[in-house]
Amino acid sequence: MLIRYKKIFEKIAMGLLSFMPEEKDLKRLQQTVKQYETDENWYLFLWKANEDFIGLIGFVQTDEKTMVVQHITVNPSHRSQGIGKQMVKSVQEMFPDKQFVPTDTIASFFQHCNKTEGSA
């Protein structure tokens, strides 16, 4: 289940974001989280399964129709279970009138997550 980021989830969000190669540096990681906290066009959601937060998806609204997905990550111990696909589907259902476009960094993973059942 997707849960909108709140300040009380800061350490969890930072831990999940740190799995992304470009977010390894602590200062960069802190800046990223602060941007999600302070900019109304930046959206961060955590994925909760059972009682644990195991994934995260973050995107920025660049215009009325476009959401650029900048972060998508799943705890390594929960990968290959379709969680990325569930997160992408959930945000698309939350914002049905928006087009979600990945950054170059996450494009291949996002496209993999965005495949519908039965497609190659």
N, C-alpha and C. Protein backbone atom coordinates (compact mmCIF):
# COMPACT_ATOMS: atom_id res chain seq x y z
N MET A 1 0.85 -1.17 0.00
CA MET A 1 0.00 0.00 0.00
C MET A 1 0.89 1.24 0.00
N LEU A 2 0.55 2.22 -0.85
CA LEU A 2 1.30 3.47 -0.91
C LEU A 2 0.87 4.41 0.21
N ILE A 3 1.86 5.04 0.84
CA ILE A 3 1.60 6.01 1.90
C ILE A 3 2.42 7.26 1.58
N ARG A 4 1.76 8.40 1.58
CA ARG A 4 2.43 9.66 1.28
C ARG A 4 3.48 9.95 2.35
N TYR A 5 4.63 10.43 1.90
CA TYR A 5 5.74 10.75 2.79
C TYR A 5 5.33 11.82 3.80
N LYS A 6 5.75 11.62 5.04
CA LYS A 6 5.63 12.61 6.11
C LYS A 6 7.00 12.68 6.79
N LYS A 7 7.24 13.77 7.46
CA LYS A 7 8.53 14.00 8.14
C LYS A 7 8.89 12.84 9.09
N ILE A 8 7.90 12.23 9.72
CA ILE A 8 8.19 11.12 10.65
C ILE A 8 8.79 9.91 9.93
N PHE A 9 8.68 9.86 8.59
CA PHE A 9 9.25 8.75 7.81
C PHE A 9 10.62 9.09 7.24
N GLU A 10 11.21 10.20 7.68
CA GLU A 10 12.45 10.68 7.08
C GLU A 10 13.56 9.63 7.04
N LYS A 11 13.83 8.98 8.16
CA LYS A 11 14.92 8.00 8.20
C LYS A 11 14.63 6.80 7.31
N ILE A 12 13.39 6.37 7.29
CA ILE A 12 13.00 5.25 6.43
C ILE A 12 13.19 5.64 4.96
N ALA A 13 12.71 6.83 4.61
CA ALA A 13 12.84 7.30 3.23
C ALA A 13 14.30 7.42 2.82
N MET A 14 15.12 7.97 3.72
CA MET A 14 16.54 8.10 3.41
C MET A 14 17.19 6.73 3.23
N GLY A 15 16.81 5.78 4.04
CA GLY A 15 17.35 4.43 3.89
C GLY A 15 16.98 3.81 2.56
N LEU A 16 15.72 3.96 2.16
CA LEU A 16 15.28 3.41 0.88
C LEU A 16 15.92 4.15 -0.30
N LEU A 17 15.98 5.48 -0.21
CA LEU A 17 16.60 6.26 -1.28
C LEU A 17 18.08 5.92 -1.44
N SER A 18 18.73 5.55 -0.35
CA SER A 18 20.16 5.26 -0.41
C SER A 18 20.48 4.03 -1.27
N PHE A 19 19.47 3.24 -1.62
CA PHE A 19 19.69 2.10 -2.51
C PHE A 19 19.88 2.56 -3.96
N MET A 20 19.55 3.83 -4.23
CA MET A 20 19.72 4.37 -5.59
C MET A 20 21.16 4.90 -5.71
N PRO A 21 21.87 4.51 -6.77
CA PRO A 21 23.28 4.89 -6.90
C PRO A 21 23.55 6.40 -6.78
N GLU A 22 22.69 7.24 -7.35
CA GLU A 22 22.95 8.69 -7.30
C GLU A 22 22.62 9.31 -5.95
N GLU A 23 22.07 8.54 -5.03
CA GLU A 23 21.70 9.06 -3.71
C GLU A 23 22.59 8.48 -2.60
N LYS A 24 23.76 8.00 -2.94
CA LYS A 24 24.66 7.41 -1.94
C LYS A 24 25.28 8.46 -1.01
N ASP A 25 25.57 9.65 -1.53
CA ASP A 25 26.18 10.71 -0.75
C ASP A 25 25.17 11.27 0.25
N LEU A 26 25.56 11.37 1.52
CA LEU A 26 24.65 11.79 2.57
C LEU A 26 24.09 13.19 2.33
N LYS A 27 24.94 14.13 1.94
CA LYS A 27 24.46 15.50 1.69
C LYS A 27 23.44 15.53 0.56
N ARG A 28 23.71 14.79 -0.49
CA ARG A 28 22.78 14.73 -1.63
C ARG A 28 21.46 14.10 -1.18
N LEU A 29 21.54 13.05 -0.41
CA LEU A 29 20.37 12.36 0.12
C LEU A 29 19.52 13.29 0.98
N GLN A 30 20.16 14.05 1.85
CA GLN A 30 19.44 15.00 2.70
C GLN A 30 18.78 16.10 1.86
N GLN A 31 19.46 16.57 0.82
CA GLN A 31 18.89 17.59 -0.06
C GLN A 31 17.67 17.05 -0.80
N THR A 32 17.75 15.81 -1.25
CA THR A 32 16.64 15.19 -1.97
C THR A 32 15.41 15.09 -1.07
N VAL A 33 15.59 14.61 0.14
CA VAL A 33 14.47 14.46 1.07
C VAL A 33 13.89 15.84 1.40
N LYS A 34 14.74 16.82 1.61
CA LYS A 34 14.26 18.18 1.90
C LYS A 34 13.44 18.73 0.74
N GLN A 35 13.87 18.45 -0.48
CA GLN A 35 13.12 18.90 -1.66
C GLN A 35 11.72 18.28 -1.66
N TYR A 36 11.63 17.00 -1.36
CA TYR A 36 10.32 16.34 -1.30
C TYR A 36 9.46 16.94 -0.18
N GLU A 37 10.09 17.34 0.91
CA GLU A 37 9.35 17.90 2.04
C GLU A 37 8.83 19.31 1.76
N THR A 38 9.58 20.09 1.00
CA THR A 38 9.27 21.52 0.89
C THR A 38 8.64 21.95 -0.43
N ASP A 39 8.80 21.19 -1.49
CA ASP A 39 8.29 21.60 -2.80
C ASP A 39 6.95 20.91 -3.07
N GLU A 40 5.91 21.69 -3.26
CA GLU A 40 4.57 21.12 -3.45
C GLU A 40 4.43 20.36 -4.76
N ASN A 41 5.36 20.50 -5.68
CA ASN A 41 5.31 19.76 -6.94
C ASN A 41 6.08 18.45 -6.88
N TRP A 42 6.72 18.19 -5.76
CA TRP A 42 7.46 16.95 -5.58
C TRP A 42 6.64 16.01 -4.70
N TYR A 43 6.48 14.77 -5.15
CA TYR A 43 5.66 13.79 -4.44
C TYR A 43 6.52 12.57 -4.10
N LEU A 44 6.44 12.14 -2.86
CA LEU A 44 7.17 10.96 -2.42
C LEU A 44 6.20 10.04 -1.69
N PHE A 45 6.21 8.78 -2.09
CA PHE A 45 5.35 7.77 -1.48
C PHE A 45 6.20 6.58 -1.08
N LEU A 46 5.86 6.00 0.06
CA LEU A 46 6.52 4.79 0.53
C LEU A 46 5.55 3.63 0.37
N TRP A 47 6.11 2.47 0.09
CA TRP A 47 5.30 1.26 -0.07
C TRP A 47 5.40 0.43 1.20
N LYS A 48 4.25 0.16 1.80
CA LYS A 48 4.21 -0.61 3.04
C LYS A 48 3.59 -1.97 2.76
N ALA A 49 4.28 -3.01 3.18
CA ALA A 49 3.77 -4.38 3.06
C ALA A 49 3.89 -5.01 4.44
N ASN A 50 2.81 -5.59 4.88
CA ASN A 50 2.73 -6.07 6.25
C ASN A 50 3.00 -4.87 7.16
N GLU A 51 3.98 -4.90 8.00
CA GLU A 51 4.22 -3.74 8.87
C GLU A 51 5.50 -2.98 8.48
N ASP A 52 6.10 -3.34 7.34
CA ASP A 52 7.38 -2.75 6.95
C ASP A 52 7.26 -1.88 5.71
N PHE A 53 8.04 -0.81 5.68
CA PHE A 53 8.18 -0.01 4.47
C PHE A 53 9.29 -0.66 3.64
N ILE A 54 8.96 -1.07 2.42
CA ILE A 54 9.93 -1.83 1.63
C ILE A 54 10.22 -1.21 0.27
N GLY A 55 9.53 -0.15 -0.08
CA GLY A 55 9.77 0.49 -1.37
C GLY A 55 9.43 1.96 -1.31
N LEU A 56 9.81 2.65 -2.39
CA LEU A 56 9.62 4.09 -2.45
C LEU A 56 9.53 4.52 -3.91
N ILE A 57 8.66 5.48 -4.17
CA ILE A 57 8.57 6.07 -5.50
C ILE A 57 8.41 7.57 -5.33
N GLY A 58 9.18 8.32 -6.11
CA GLY A 58 9.14 9.78 -6.02
C GLY A 58 9.09 10.39 -7.41
N PHE A 59 8.30 11.45 -7.54
CA PHE A 59 8.17 12.09 -8.85
C PHE A 59 7.87 13.57 -8.66
N VAL A 60 8.09 14.33 -9.73
CA VAL A 60 7.86 15.76 -9.71
C VAL A 60 6.90 16.11 -10.84
N GLN A 61 5.96 16.98 -10.53
CA GLN A 61 5.02 17.44 -11.55
C GLN A 61 5.67 18.60 -12.29
N THR A 62 5.92 18.42 -13.58
CA THR A 62 6.62 19.44 -14.37
C THR A 62 5.66 20.36 -15.11
N ASP A 63 4.46 19.87 -15.39
CA ASP A 63 3.42 20.70 -15.98
C ASP A 63 2.08 20.05 -15.63
N GLU A 64 0.98 20.57 -16.18
CA GLU A 64 -0.34 20.06 -15.78
C GLU A 64 -0.56 18.59 -16.06
N LYS A 65 0.13 18.05 -17.04
CA LYS A 65 -0.11 16.66 -17.44
C LYS A 65 1.03 15.69 -17.13
N THR A 66 2.21 16.20 -16.81
CA THR A 66 3.39 15.35 -16.75
C THR A 66 3.97 15.22 -15.34
N MET A 67 4.21 13.98 -14.97
CA MET A 67 4.91 13.64 -13.74
C MET A 67 6.20 12.92 -14.13
N VAL A 68 7.33 13.46 -13.71
CA VAL A 68 8.61 12.83 -14.01
C VAL A 68 9.02 11.98 -12.81
N VAL A 69 9.09 10.68 -13.02
CA VAL A 69 9.47 9.75 -11.96
C VAL A 69 11.00 9.81 -11.83
N GLN A 70 11.45 10.24 -10.65
CA GLN A 70 12.88 10.41 -10.43
C GLN A 70 13.47 9.32 -9.55
N HIS A 71 12.65 8.75 -8.70
CA HIS A 71 13.14 7.72 -7.77
C HIS A 71 12.14 6.57 -7.74
N ILE A 72 12.66 5.38 -7.83
CA ILE A 72 11.86 4.19 -7.57
C ILE A 72 12.84 3.12 -7.08
N THR A 73 12.56 2.62 -5.91
CA THR A 73 13.49 1.66 -5.32
C THR A 73 12.74 0.69 -4.40
N VAL A 74 13.29 -0.49 -4.31
CA VAL A 74 12.73 -1.53 -3.44
C VAL A 74 13.87 -2.10 -2.61
N ASN A 75 13.61 -2.33 -1.33
CA ASN A 75 14.59 -2.95 -0.46
C ASN A 75 15.11 -4.23 -1.13
N PRO A 76 16.42 -4.42 -1.20
CA PRO A 76 16.97 -5.59 -1.90
C PRO A 76 16.39 -6.93 -1.46
N SER A 77 16.01 -7.07 -0.21
CA SER A 77 15.47 -8.36 0.24
C SER A 77 14.04 -8.59 -0.24
N HIS A 78 13.44 -7.59 -0.88
CA HIS A 78 12.07 -7.74 -1.38
C HIS A 78 11.97 -7.57 -2.90
N ARG A 79 13.10 -7.59 -3.57
CA ARG A 79 13.10 -7.38 -5.02
C ARG A 79 12.63 -8.63 -5.75
N SER A 80 12.25 -8.45 -7.00
CA SER A 80 11.77 -9.52 -7.88
C SER A 80 10.45 -10.11 -7.40
N GLN A 81 9.64 -9.31 -6.70
CA GLN A 81 8.33 -9.76 -6.23
C GLN A 81 7.21 -8.91 -6.84
N GLY A 82 7.55 -8.05 -7.79
CA GLY A 82 6.54 -7.22 -8.44
C GLY A 82 6.16 -5.96 -7.68
N ILE A 83 6.94 -5.58 -6.68
CA ILE A 83 6.62 -4.41 -5.87
C ILE A 83 6.77 -3.13 -6.69
N GLY A 84 7.82 -3.03 -7.49
CA GLY A 84 7.98 -1.86 -8.35
C GLY A 84 6.79 -1.69 -9.27
N LYS A 85 6.34 -2.78 -9.84
CA LYS A 85 5.18 -2.75 -10.74
C LYS A 85 3.93 -2.30 -9.97
N GLN A 86 3.75 -2.77 -8.75
CA GLN A 86 2.60 -2.37 -7.94
C GLN A 86 2.66 -0.88 -7.60
N MET A 87 3.85 -0.36 -7.31
CA MET A 87 3.99 1.06 -6.99
C MET A 87 3.64 1.92 -8.20
N VAL A 88 4.16 1.56 -9.36
CA VAL A 88 3.87 2.32 -10.59
C VAL A 88 2.37 2.29 -10.89
N LYS A 89 1.78 1.12 -10.80
CA LYS A 89 0.34 1.00 -11.07
C LYS A 89 -0.47 1.85 -10.08
N SER A 90 -0.08 1.82 -8.82
CA SER A 90 -0.81 2.58 -7.79
C SER A 90 -0.74 4.08 -8.02
N VAL A 91 0.43 4.62 -8.37
CA VAL A 91 0.51 6.07 -8.60
C VAL A 91 -0.24 6.45 -9.87
N GLN A 92 -0.24 5.58 -10.86
CA GLN A 92 -0.99 5.87 -12.08
C GLN A 92 -2.49 5.87 -11.80
N GLU A 93 -2.93 5.04 -10.90
CA GLU A 93 -4.35 5.03 -10.52
C GLU A 93 -4.70 6.25 -9.68
N MET A 94 -3.75 6.73 -8.85
CA MET A 94 -3.97 7.92 -8.03
C MET A 94 -4.09 9.19 -8.88
N PHE A 95 -3.32 9.21 -9.96
CA PHE A 95 -3.26 10.38 -10.83
C PHE A 95 -3.58 9.95 -12.27
N PRO A 96 -4.83 9.54 -12.52
CA PRO A 96 -5.16 8.96 -13.82
C PRO A 96 -5.05 9.93 -15.00
N ASP A 97 -5.11 11.21 -14.73
CA ASP A 97 -5.03 12.20 -15.81
C ASP A 97 -3.60 12.65 -16.10
N LYS A 98 -2.62 12.04 -15.44
CA LYS A 98 -1.21 12.42 -15.62
C LYS A 98 -0.46 11.37 -16.43
N GLN A 99 0.55 11.85 -17.12
CA GLN A 99 1.45 10.96 -17.84
C GLN A 99 2.72 10.84 -17.01
N PHE A 100 3.14 9.62 -16.72
CA PHE A 100 4.35 9.39 -15.93
C PHE A 100 5.50 9.06 -16.87
N VAL A 101 6.58 9.84 -16.74
CA VAL A 101 7.75 9.71 -17.59
C VAL A 101 8.96 9.53 -16.67
N PRO A 102 9.80 8.53 -16.92
CA PRO A 102 10.96 8.32 -16.05
C PRO A 102 12.15 9.19 -16.44
N THR A 103 13.04 9.45 -15.48
CA THR A 103 14.32 10.06 -15.80
C THR A 103 15.17 9.01 -16.52
N ASP A 104 16.24 9.43 -17.14
CA ASP A 104 17.13 8.49 -17.83
C ASP A 104 17.69 7.46 -16.86
N THR A 105 17.95 7.87 -15.62
CA THR A 105 18.56 7.00 -14.62
C THR A 105 17.69 5.78 -14.32
N ILE A 106 16.39 5.97 -14.27
CA ILE A 106 15.51 4.86 -13.89
C ILE A 106 14.66 4.34 -15.05
N ALA A 107 14.92 4.82 -16.26
CA ALA A 107 14.07 4.48 -17.41
C ALA A 107 13.88 2.98 -17.61
N SER A 108 14.95 2.21 -17.57
CA SER A 108 14.80 0.77 -17.86
C SER A 108 14.00 0.07 -16.77
N PHE A 109 14.26 0.41 -15.50
CA PHE A 109 13.49 -0.21 -14.41
C PHE A 109 12.03 0.22 -14.47
N PHE A 110 11.79 1.50 -14.73
CA PHE A 110 10.43 2.01 -14.82
C PHE A 110 9.67 1.31 -15.95
N GLN A 111 10.31 1.17 -17.10
CA GLN A 111 9.64 0.51 -18.23
C GLN A 111 9.33 -0.95 -17.89
N HIS A 112 10.25 -1.59 -17.20
CA HIS A 112 10.01 -2.97 -16.76
C HIS A 112 8.80 -3.02 -15.82
N CYS A 113 8.72 -2.06 -14.88
CA CYS A 113 7.63 -2.02 -13.93
C CYS A 113 6.31 -1.65 -14.58
N ASN A 114 6.36 -0.92 -15.67
CA ASN A 114 5.17 -0.39 -16.32
C ASN A 114 4.60 -1.36 -17.36
N LYS A 115 5.23 -2.51 -17.56
CA LYS A 115 4.71 -3.48 -18.52
C LYS A 115 3.41 -4.06 -17.99
N THR A 116 2.48 -4.25 -18.88
CA THR A 116 1.23 -4.90 -18.49
C THR A 116 1.38 -6.40 -18.61
N GLU A 117 0.56 -7.11 -17.90
CA GLU A 117 0.61 -8.57 -17.95
C GLU A 117 0.37 -9.02 -19.38
N GLY A 118 1.18 -9.97 -19.81
CA GLY A 118 1.02 -10.54 -21.13
C GLY A 118 1.82 -9.81 -22.20
N SER A 119 2.43 -8.67 -21.89
CA SER A 119 3.24 -8.00 -22.91
C SER A 119 4.66 -8.49 -22.81
N ALA A 120 5.39 -8.37 -23.88
CA ALA A 120 6.74 -8.90 -23.93
C ALA A 120 7.73 -8.05 -23.20
